[in-house]
Amino acid sequence: MITPDYARLMARYDRWQNSALIAAADRLDDAARWQDRGAFFRSIAKTLNHILWDHRVWLARQQGDADTARALNQRHPYADGPRDWAAYKDARAALDDEIRSWVGGLTATEIARNVTWQRGPETVETPFALNLIHMFNHATHHRGQVHAMLTAAGVDPGATDLPMLPDEV
C-alpha cells in the first residue's frame, strides 16, 4: 500500500506545514489565536491542539503503547490548550522530531503488519499503513481549517502544495 519512503515524505510535509501554520499564527496575538471563528474546534489554537493530540494518539497506537493511547483517549488534553503558546510550539516541534525519527526507521515489513488498538470498548485490528495514511491525512484536513481561519484573519500561511515542499523541487 505505501512504502517507508512515502512515510518519510509525509513526515517531512507534516513538519513543514505545522511549522508554516505556527509561523503564521505567531503574527496574531493570543486572543486572536483563541478567538471563536466558527470552525469545528472553534479556534486556530484549539484546532492546532487537536492535531497535536491526534498525532500523539496515533503514534502511540502504531508503536503499540496502549497505555498512552488509552490515557489520551480518556480526555482530549489539547482541546483547550496548552494556553502557553511557547509551550505549544515546543511540544509541536518535539513531536514532529519524534515522528520524523520514528518513520525514519520504518521498514516495509513493519508497514505491512496490522495494529491492534482500542476504539472505545472495542478492540480492533487495522493495517499499520492505513493508520499511518490516516494520521497524516487527518492532520492535513484540520490544517486546511487553520489555513482558512488564518487567511480570514488577514495572515497568509503560505504554500501548502506537496510539490512546493522544500528540497522536493
N, C-alpha and C. Protein backbone atom coordinates (compact mmCIF):
# COMPACT_ATOMS: atom_id res chain seq x y z
N MET A 1 0.82 -1.20 0.00
CA MET A 1 0.00 0.00 0.00
C MET A 1 0.87 1.26 0.00
N ILE A 2 1.78 1.39 0.95
CA ILE A 2 2.71 2.52 0.98
C ILE A 2 4.10 1.99 1.31
N THR A 3 5.08 2.83 1.09
CA THR A 3 6.47 2.45 1.33
C THR A 3 7.05 3.28 2.48
N PRO A 4 8.20 2.85 3.01
CA PRO A 4 8.88 3.69 4.01
C PRO A 4 9.21 5.08 3.46
N ASP A 5 9.55 5.17 2.17
CA ASP A 5 9.85 6.49 1.59
C ASP A 5 8.62 7.40 1.59
N TYR A 6 7.45 6.82 1.34
CA TYR A 6 6.22 7.60 1.41
C TYR A 6 6.03 8.14 2.83
N ALA A 7 6.22 7.29 3.84
CA ALA A 7 6.06 7.71 5.23
C ALA A 7 7.03 8.85 5.56
N ARG A 8 8.26 8.75 5.10
CA ARG A 8 9.25 9.79 5.36
C ARG A 8 8.87 11.10 4.66
N LEU A 9 8.39 11.00 3.43
CA LEU A 9 7.94 12.19 2.71
C LEU A 9 6.80 12.87 3.46
N MET A 10 5.84 12.09 3.90
CA MET A 10 4.68 12.67 4.60
C MET A 10 5.07 13.28 5.95
N ALA A 11 6.03 12.69 6.63
CA ALA A 11 6.51 13.26 7.89
C ALA A 11 7.20 14.60 7.64
N ARG A 12 7.95 14.69 6.55
CA ARG A 12 8.59 15.96 6.19
C ARG A 12 7.54 17.01 5.83
N TYR A 13 6.54 16.60 5.05
CA TYR A 13 5.46 17.52 4.68
C TYR A 13 4.70 17.98 5.92
N ASP A 14 4.41 17.04 6.79
CA ASP A 14 3.69 17.33 8.03
C ASP A 14 4.43 18.39 8.84
N ARG A 15 5.71 18.19 9.03
CA ARG A 15 6.51 19.13 9.80
C ARG A 15 6.54 20.51 9.13
N TRP A 16 6.73 20.53 7.81
CA TRP A 16 6.77 21.78 7.06
C TRP A 16 5.47 22.57 7.26
N GLN A 17 4.35 21.87 7.11
CA GLN A 17 3.07 22.55 7.23
C GLN A 17 2.76 22.97 8.67
N ASN A 18 3.09 22.13 9.64
CA ASN A 18 2.91 22.53 11.03
C ASN A 18 3.72 23.79 11.32
N SER A 19 4.96 23.81 10.88
CA SER A 19 5.84 24.97 11.10
C SER A 19 5.29 26.21 10.42
N ALA A 20 4.80 26.06 9.20
CA ALA A 20 4.27 27.21 8.46
C ALA A 20 3.05 27.81 9.15
N LEU A 21 2.16 26.95 9.63
CA LEU A 21 0.96 27.47 10.30
C LEU A 21 1.32 28.12 11.63
N ILE A 22 2.26 27.54 12.34
CA ILE A 22 2.68 28.14 13.60
C ILE A 22 3.34 29.49 13.36
N ALA A 23 4.18 29.58 12.33
CA ALA A 23 4.81 30.87 12.00
C ALA A 23 3.75 31.91 11.64
N ALA A 24 2.72 31.50 10.91
CA ALA A 24 1.64 32.42 10.57
C ALA A 24 0.86 32.82 11.82
N ALA A 25 0.56 31.85 12.66
CA ALA A 25 -0.19 32.14 13.90
C ALA A 25 0.62 33.00 14.86
N ASP A 26 1.93 32.95 14.75
CA ASP A 26 2.79 33.82 15.56
C ASP A 26 2.52 35.30 15.29
N ARG A 27 1.98 35.61 14.12
CA ARG A 27 1.71 37.01 13.77
C ARG A 27 0.42 37.52 14.40
N LEU A 28 -0.31 36.62 15.07
CA LEU A 28 -1.53 37.00 15.80
C LEU A 28 -1.22 37.06 17.28
N ASP A 29 -2.01 37.82 18.02
CA ASP A 29 -1.84 37.78 19.47
C ASP A 29 -2.61 36.58 20.02
N ASP A 30 -2.41 36.29 21.29
CA ASP A 30 -3.01 35.11 21.90
C ASP A 30 -4.53 35.13 21.81
N ALA A 31 -5.13 36.27 22.04
CA ALA A 31 -6.60 36.37 21.97
C ALA A 31 -7.10 36.00 20.58
N ALA A 32 -6.40 36.45 19.55
CA ALA A 32 -6.81 36.14 18.18
C ALA A 32 -6.64 34.65 17.87
N ARG A 33 -5.60 34.01 18.44
CA ARG A 33 -5.41 32.57 18.21
C ARG A 33 -6.53 31.77 18.85
N TRP A 34 -7.07 32.24 19.97
CA TRP A 34 -8.12 31.51 20.70
C TRP A 34 -9.53 31.99 20.33
N GLN A 35 -9.64 33.00 19.49
CA GLN A 35 -10.94 33.55 19.10
C GLN A 35 -11.79 32.50 18.40
N ASP A 36 -13.07 32.43 18.77
CA ASP A 36 -14.01 31.51 18.12
C ASP A 36 -14.24 32.00 16.70
N ARG A 37 -13.87 31.18 15.74
CA ARG A 37 -14.01 31.54 14.33
C ARG A 37 -15.02 30.65 13.61
N GLY A 38 -15.80 29.87 14.37
CA GLY A 38 -16.86 29.07 13.80
C GLY A 38 -16.43 27.76 13.17
N ALA A 39 -15.18 27.39 13.33
CA ALA A 39 -14.69 26.12 12.79
C ALA A 39 -15.09 24.99 13.74
N PHE A 40 -14.84 23.75 13.33
CA PHE A 40 -15.25 22.60 14.13
C PHE A 40 -14.69 22.67 15.55
N PHE A 41 -13.41 22.99 15.69
CA PHE A 41 -12.80 23.14 17.02
C PHE A 41 -12.78 24.59 17.47
N ARG A 42 -13.50 25.41 16.79
CA ARG A 42 -13.75 26.81 17.09
C ARG A 42 -12.60 27.76 16.74
N SER A 43 -11.42 27.52 17.29
CA SER A 43 -10.34 28.50 17.13
C SER A 43 -9.11 27.89 16.44
N ILE A 44 -8.22 28.77 16.06
CA ILE A 44 -6.93 28.35 15.50
C ILE A 44 -6.19 27.50 16.52
N ALA A 45 -6.10 28.00 17.75
CA ALA A 45 -5.34 27.30 18.79
C ALA A 45 -5.95 25.94 19.11
N LYS A 46 -7.27 25.87 19.25
CA LYS A 46 -7.90 24.59 19.57
C LYS A 46 -7.71 23.58 18.43
N THR A 47 -7.77 24.06 17.20
CA THR A 47 -7.59 23.15 16.07
C THR A 47 -6.15 22.65 16.01
N LEU A 48 -5.19 23.53 16.21
CA LEU A 48 -3.79 23.10 16.25
C LEU A 48 -3.57 22.12 17.40
N ASN A 49 -4.18 22.38 18.54
CA ASN A 49 -4.06 21.48 19.69
C ASN A 49 -4.66 20.12 19.38
N HIS A 50 -5.77 20.09 18.64
CA HIS A 50 -6.37 18.82 18.27
C HIS A 50 -5.41 18.00 17.40
N ILE A 51 -4.76 18.66 16.46
CA ILE A 51 -3.81 17.95 15.59
C ILE A 51 -2.69 17.35 16.42
N LEU A 52 -2.18 18.11 17.37
CA LEU A 52 -1.12 17.61 18.25
C LEU A 52 -1.60 16.39 19.03
N TRP A 53 -2.78 16.49 19.61
CA TRP A 53 -3.36 15.38 20.37
C TRP A 53 -3.52 14.14 19.48
N ASP A 54 -4.08 14.34 18.30
CA ASP A 54 -4.35 13.22 17.40
C ASP A 54 -3.05 12.54 16.96
N HIS A 55 -2.03 13.32 16.68
CA HIS A 55 -0.74 12.72 16.33
C HIS A 55 -0.20 11.88 17.48
N ARG A 56 -0.36 12.36 18.70
CA ARG A 56 0.12 11.59 19.86
C ARG A 56 -0.65 10.27 19.99
N VAL A 57 -1.96 10.32 19.80
CA VAL A 57 -2.78 9.11 19.90
C VAL A 57 -2.36 8.09 18.85
N TRP A 58 -2.30 8.52 17.59
CA TRP A 58 -1.97 7.57 16.52
C TRP A 58 -0.54 7.07 16.61
N LEU A 59 0.38 7.91 17.04
CA LEU A 59 1.75 7.45 17.23
C LEU A 59 1.80 6.38 18.31
N ALA A 60 1.10 6.60 19.42
CA ALA A 60 1.07 5.60 20.49
C ALA A 60 0.46 4.29 19.99
N ARG A 61 -0.63 4.37 19.25
CA ARG A 61 -1.25 3.15 18.72
C ARG A 61 -0.29 2.41 17.80
N GLN A 62 0.35 3.13 16.90
CA GLN A 62 1.24 2.50 15.94
C GLN A 62 2.45 1.87 16.62
N GLN A 63 2.89 2.47 17.71
CA GLN A 63 4.05 1.96 18.44
C GLN A 63 3.68 0.88 19.46
N GLY A 64 2.38 0.57 19.56
CA GLY A 64 1.94 -0.46 20.49
C GLY A 64 1.88 0.01 21.93
N ASP A 65 1.84 1.31 22.16
CA ASP A 65 1.78 1.87 23.51
C ASP A 65 0.31 2.08 23.90
N ALA A 66 -0.34 0.99 24.25
CA ALA A 66 -1.77 1.02 24.55
C ALA A 66 -2.09 1.89 25.75
N ASP A 67 -1.22 1.93 26.74
CA ASP A 67 -1.49 2.73 27.93
C ASP A 67 -1.55 4.22 27.60
N THR A 68 -0.59 4.69 26.82
CA THR A 68 -0.60 6.11 26.43
C THR A 68 -1.81 6.42 25.58
N ALA A 69 -2.10 5.58 24.59
CA ALA A 69 -3.25 5.81 23.73
C ALA A 69 -4.54 5.84 24.55
N ARG A 70 -4.68 4.91 25.48
CA ARG A 70 -5.88 4.86 26.33
C ARG A 70 -5.98 6.12 27.19
N ALA A 71 -4.87 6.54 27.78
CA ALA A 71 -4.89 7.74 28.62
C ALA A 71 -5.26 8.98 27.80
N LEU A 72 -4.71 9.09 26.59
CA LEU A 72 -5.04 10.23 25.74
C LEU A 72 -6.50 10.21 25.33
N ASN A 73 -7.04 9.03 25.11
CA ASN A 73 -8.45 8.93 24.70
C ASN A 73 -9.42 9.17 25.85
N GLN A 74 -8.96 9.03 27.08
CA GLN A 74 -9.84 9.28 28.22
C GLN A 74 -10.23 10.76 28.30
N ARG A 75 -9.31 11.58 27.90
CA ARG A 75 -9.54 13.02 27.95
C ARG A 75 -8.74 13.66 26.82
N HIS A 76 -9.37 14.52 26.10
CA HIS A 76 -8.73 15.22 24.99
C HIS A 76 -7.93 16.37 25.60
N PRO A 77 -6.68 16.11 25.99
CA PRO A 77 -5.95 17.10 26.76
C PRO A 77 -5.60 18.37 25.99
N TYR A 78 -5.69 18.34 24.68
CA TYR A 78 -5.30 19.52 23.91
C TYR A 78 -6.50 20.30 23.38
N ALA A 79 -7.70 19.90 23.75
CA ALA A 79 -8.87 20.61 23.24
C ALA A 79 -8.86 22.07 23.68
N ASP A 80 -8.41 22.34 24.87
CA ASP A 80 -8.40 23.71 25.37
C ASP A 80 -7.01 24.29 25.52
N GLY A 81 -6.02 23.55 25.31
CA GLY A 81 -4.73 24.23 25.47
C GLY A 81 -3.65 23.26 25.69
N PRO A 82 -2.43 23.52 25.56
CA PRO A 82 -1.74 24.45 26.43
C PRO A 82 -1.98 25.89 26.00
N ARG A 83 -2.33 26.72 26.97
CA ARG A 83 -2.57 28.13 26.72
C ARG A 83 -1.27 28.88 26.51
N ASP A 84 -0.17 28.30 26.91
CA ASP A 84 1.14 28.91 26.75
C ASP A 84 1.62 28.62 25.32
N TRP A 85 1.62 29.66 24.47
CA TRP A 85 1.95 29.49 23.06
C TRP A 85 3.36 28.94 22.88
N ALA A 86 4.30 29.41 23.68
CA ALA A 86 5.68 28.92 23.57
C ALA A 86 5.74 27.44 23.93
N ALA A 87 4.99 27.02 24.95
CA ALA A 87 4.97 25.60 25.33
C ALA A 87 4.34 24.76 24.21
N TYR A 88 3.28 25.27 23.59
CA TYR A 88 2.66 24.56 22.47
C TYR A 88 3.68 24.38 21.35
N LYS A 89 4.36 25.45 20.98
CA LYS A 89 5.33 25.37 19.87
C LYS A 89 6.44 24.37 20.19
N ASP A 90 6.90 24.36 21.43
CA ASP A 90 7.93 23.39 21.83
C ASP A 90 7.40 21.96 21.73
N ALA A 91 6.16 21.74 22.20
CA ALA A 91 5.56 20.40 22.14
C ALA A 91 5.37 19.94 20.70
N ARG A 92 4.93 20.85 19.84
CA ARG A 92 4.71 20.51 18.44
C ARG A 92 6.04 20.15 17.77
N ALA A 93 7.06 20.97 17.98
CA ALA A 93 8.37 20.72 17.37
C ALA A 93 8.95 19.39 17.86
N ALA A 94 8.82 19.12 19.15
CA ALA A 94 9.34 17.87 19.71
C ALA A 94 8.61 16.67 19.11
N LEU A 95 7.29 16.77 18.97
CA LEU A 95 6.54 15.65 18.39
C LEU A 95 6.88 15.48 16.91
N ASP A 96 7.04 16.58 16.19
CA ASP A 96 7.44 16.47 14.79
C ASP A 96 8.80 15.79 14.67
N ASP A 97 9.72 16.14 15.56
CA ASP A 97 11.03 15.46 15.57
C ASP A 97 10.87 13.97 15.85
N GLU A 98 10.03 13.64 16.83
CA GLU A 98 9.80 12.24 17.18
C GLU A 98 9.20 11.46 16.01
N ILE A 99 8.23 12.04 15.34
CA ILE A 99 7.59 11.38 14.21
C ILE A 99 8.59 11.17 13.08
N ARG A 100 9.38 12.19 12.77
CA ARG A 100 10.37 12.05 11.68
C ARG A 100 11.40 10.99 12.02
N SER A 101 11.84 10.95 13.27
CA SER A 101 12.80 9.93 13.69
C SER A 101 12.18 8.54 13.59
N TRP A 102 10.96 8.42 14.06
CA TRP A 102 10.26 7.13 14.06
C TRP A 102 10.05 6.62 12.64
N VAL A 103 9.53 7.46 11.74
CA VAL A 103 9.31 6.98 10.37
C VAL A 103 10.63 6.72 9.66
N GLY A 104 11.69 7.38 10.10
CA GLY A 104 13.00 7.14 9.50
C GLY A 104 13.46 5.70 9.67
N GLY A 105 12.97 5.03 10.70
CA GLY A 105 13.35 3.65 10.94
C GLY A 105 12.34 2.61 10.49
N LEU A 106 11.23 3.04 9.89
CA LEU A 106 10.22 2.09 9.45
C LEU A 106 10.71 1.23 8.29
N THR A 107 10.29 -0.02 8.31
CA THR A 107 10.61 -0.94 7.22
C THR A 107 9.33 -1.33 6.50
N ALA A 108 9.48 -1.88 5.31
CA ALA A 108 8.32 -2.35 4.56
C ALA A 108 7.58 -3.44 5.33
N THR A 109 8.31 -4.28 6.03
CA THR A 109 7.69 -5.35 6.83
C THR A 109 6.82 -4.76 7.93
N GLU A 110 7.33 -3.76 8.61
CA GLU A 110 6.54 -3.15 9.68
C GLU A 110 5.30 -2.47 9.12
N ILE A 111 5.46 -1.77 8.01
CA ILE A 111 4.32 -1.07 7.40
C ILE A 111 3.25 -2.06 6.94
N ALA A 112 3.64 -3.28 6.59
CA ALA A 112 2.70 -4.28 6.09
C ALA A 112 1.93 -5.00 7.21
N ARG A 113 2.30 -4.80 8.45
CA ARG A 113 1.64 -5.52 9.55
C ARG A 113 0.33 -4.85 9.95
N ASN A 114 -0.41 -5.52 10.80
CA ASN A 114 -1.63 -4.96 11.38
C ASN A 114 -1.35 -4.44 12.78
N VAL A 115 -2.19 -3.54 13.24
CA VAL A 115 -2.07 -2.95 14.57
C VAL A 115 -3.38 -3.20 15.31
N THR A 116 -3.26 -3.66 16.54
CA THR A 116 -4.43 -3.86 17.40
C THR A 116 -4.51 -2.69 18.36
N TRP A 117 -5.69 -2.10 18.47
CA TRP A 117 -5.88 -0.95 19.35
C TRP A 117 -7.33 -0.87 19.82
N GLN A 118 -7.58 0.01 20.76
CA GLN A 118 -8.92 0.17 21.33
C GLN A 118 -9.66 1.32 20.66
N ARG A 119 -10.85 1.05 20.19
CA ARG A 119 -11.78 2.07 19.72
C ARG A 119 -12.95 2.02 20.68
N GLY A 120 -12.89 2.88 21.69
CA GLY A 120 -13.88 2.80 22.76
C GLY A 120 -13.69 1.49 23.49
N PRO A 121 -14.77 0.77 23.76
CA PRO A 121 -14.65 -0.50 24.46
C PRO A 121 -14.24 -1.66 23.55
N GLU A 122 -14.21 -1.41 22.25
CA GLU A 122 -13.95 -2.45 21.25
C GLU A 122 -12.47 -2.53 20.89
N THR A 123 -11.96 -3.73 20.79
CA THR A 123 -10.61 -3.95 20.28
C THR A 123 -10.70 -4.17 18.78
N VAL A 124 -9.92 -3.40 18.02
CA VAL A 124 -9.95 -3.50 16.57
C VAL A 124 -8.54 -3.78 16.06
N GLU A 125 -8.48 -4.34 14.88
CA GLU A 125 -7.20 -4.56 14.21
C GLU A 125 -7.29 -3.92 12.84
N THR A 126 -6.36 -3.03 12.55
CA THR A 126 -6.35 -2.32 11.27
C THR A 126 -4.93 -2.32 10.70
N PRO A 127 -4.81 -2.16 9.39
CA PRO A 127 -3.48 -2.13 8.78
C PRO A 127 -2.66 -0.92 9.25
N PHE A 128 -1.43 -1.19 9.62
CA PHE A 128 -0.49 -0.14 10.00
C PHE A 128 -0.46 0.96 8.95
N ALA A 129 -0.35 0.56 7.67
CA ALA A 129 -0.26 1.53 6.57
C ALA A 129 -1.49 2.43 6.53
N LEU A 130 -2.66 1.85 6.68
CA LEU A 130 -3.89 2.63 6.67
C LEU A 130 -3.91 3.64 7.81
N ASN A 131 -3.49 3.20 8.99
CA ASN A 131 -3.45 4.10 10.15
C ASN A 131 -2.48 5.25 9.91
N LEU A 132 -1.34 4.95 9.34
CA LEU A 132 -0.34 5.98 9.09
C LEU A 132 -0.83 6.99 8.06
N ILE A 133 -1.43 6.49 6.98
CA ILE A 133 -2.02 7.39 5.99
C ILE A 133 -3.07 8.27 6.66
N HIS A 134 -3.90 7.67 7.49
CA HIS A 134 -4.94 8.43 8.18
C HIS A 134 -4.33 9.53 9.05
N MET A 135 -3.29 9.19 9.81
CA MET A 135 -2.68 10.18 10.71
C MET A 135 -2.27 11.42 9.92
N PHE A 136 -1.59 11.23 8.80
CA PHE A 136 -1.14 12.36 8.00
C PHE A 136 -2.30 13.06 7.30
N ASN A 137 -3.24 12.29 6.76
CA ASN A 137 -4.38 12.86 6.05
C ASN A 137 -5.27 13.67 6.99
N HIS A 138 -5.51 13.14 8.17
CA HIS A 138 -6.35 13.82 9.17
C HIS A 138 -5.74 15.16 9.54
N ALA A 139 -4.43 15.19 9.73
CA ALA A 139 -3.75 16.44 10.07
C ALA A 139 -3.88 17.44 8.92
N THR A 140 -3.76 16.96 7.68
CA THR A 140 -3.89 17.84 6.53
C THR A 140 -5.29 18.46 6.50
N HIS A 141 -6.29 17.66 6.77
CA HIS A 141 -7.67 18.15 6.81
C HIS A 141 -7.82 19.30 7.81
N HIS A 142 -7.35 19.10 9.02
CA HIS A 142 -7.50 20.14 10.05
C HIS A 142 -6.56 21.33 9.81
N ARG A 143 -5.39 21.08 9.23
CA ARG A 143 -4.53 22.22 8.89
C ARG A 143 -5.20 23.09 7.83
N GLY A 144 -5.99 22.48 6.95
CA GLY A 144 -6.75 23.27 5.98
C GLY A 144 -7.72 24.21 6.67
N GLN A 145 -8.33 23.74 7.75
CA GLN A 145 -9.22 24.61 8.53
C GLN A 145 -8.44 25.77 9.15
N VAL A 146 -7.26 25.45 9.70
CA VAL A 146 -6.43 26.50 10.30
C VAL A 146 -5.99 27.49 9.22
N HIS A 147 -5.61 26.98 8.06
CA HIS A 147 -5.21 27.84 6.95
C HIS A 147 -6.33 28.82 6.61
N ALA A 148 -7.56 28.31 6.53
CA ALA A 148 -8.71 29.17 6.21
C ALA A 148 -8.94 30.21 7.31
N MET A 149 -8.82 29.81 8.57
CA MET A 149 -9.01 30.77 9.67
C MET A 149 -7.92 31.83 9.66
N LEU A 150 -6.67 31.43 9.41
CA LEU A 150 -5.59 32.41 9.34
C LEU A 150 -5.80 33.37 8.19
N THR A 151 -6.19 32.85 7.03
CA THR A 151 -6.44 33.70 5.87
C THR A 151 -7.54 34.70 6.18
N ALA A 152 -8.62 34.24 6.80
CA ALA A 152 -9.72 35.13 7.17
C ALA A 152 -9.27 36.19 8.18
N ALA A 153 -8.27 35.86 8.99
CA ALA A 153 -7.74 36.81 9.98
C ALA A 153 -6.72 37.76 9.36
N GLY A 154 -6.48 37.62 8.06
CA GLY A 154 -5.57 38.52 7.37
C GLY A 154 -4.11 38.09 7.37
N VAL A 155 -3.86 36.82 7.69
CA VAL A 155 -2.50 36.30 7.73
C VAL A 155 -2.33 35.27 6.62
N ASP A 156 -1.30 35.43 5.80
CA ASP A 156 -1.03 34.49 4.72
C ASP A 156 -0.16 33.36 5.24
N PRO A 157 -0.71 32.13 5.32
CA PRO A 157 0.08 31.00 5.82
C PRO A 157 1.05 30.42 4.79
N GLY A 158 0.98 30.84 3.57
CA GLY A 158 1.91 30.36 2.56
C GLY A 158 1.42 29.13 1.82
N ALA A 159 2.31 28.58 1.04
CA ALA A 159 2.00 27.44 0.17
C ALA A 159 1.72 26.18 0.98
N THR A 160 0.83 25.35 0.44
CA THR A 160 0.52 24.07 1.08
C THR A 160 0.70 22.89 0.13
N ASP A 161 0.96 23.14 -1.11
CA ASP A 161 1.04 22.07 -2.10
C ASP A 161 2.27 21.22 -1.90
N LEU A 162 2.07 19.91 -1.90
CA LEU A 162 3.16 18.98 -1.68
C LEU A 162 4.36 19.21 -2.63
N PRO A 163 4.13 19.51 -3.91
CA PRO A 163 5.29 19.76 -4.77
C PRO A 163 6.10 21.00 -4.37
N MET A 164 5.57 21.82 -3.49
CA MET A 164 6.28 23.01 -3.03
C MET A 164 7.13 22.72 -1.80
N LEU A 165 7.07 21.49 -1.31
CA LEU A 165 7.87 21.09 -0.14
C LEU A 165 9.34 21.40 -0.41
N PRO A 166 9.97 22.16 0.47
CA PRO A 166 11.38 22.48 0.24
C PRO A 166 12.21 21.21 -0.01
N ASP A 167 13.14 21.33 -0.92
CA ASP A 167 14.04 20.25 -1.33
C ASP A 167 13.36 19.19 -2.20
N GLU A 168 12.13 19.42 -2.61
CA GLU A 168 11.45 18.47 -3.50
C GLU A 168 11.46 18.98 -4.93
N VAL A 169 11.62 20.28 -5.12
CA VAL A 169 11.62 20.84 -6.48
C VAL A 169 12.92 21.57 -6.72
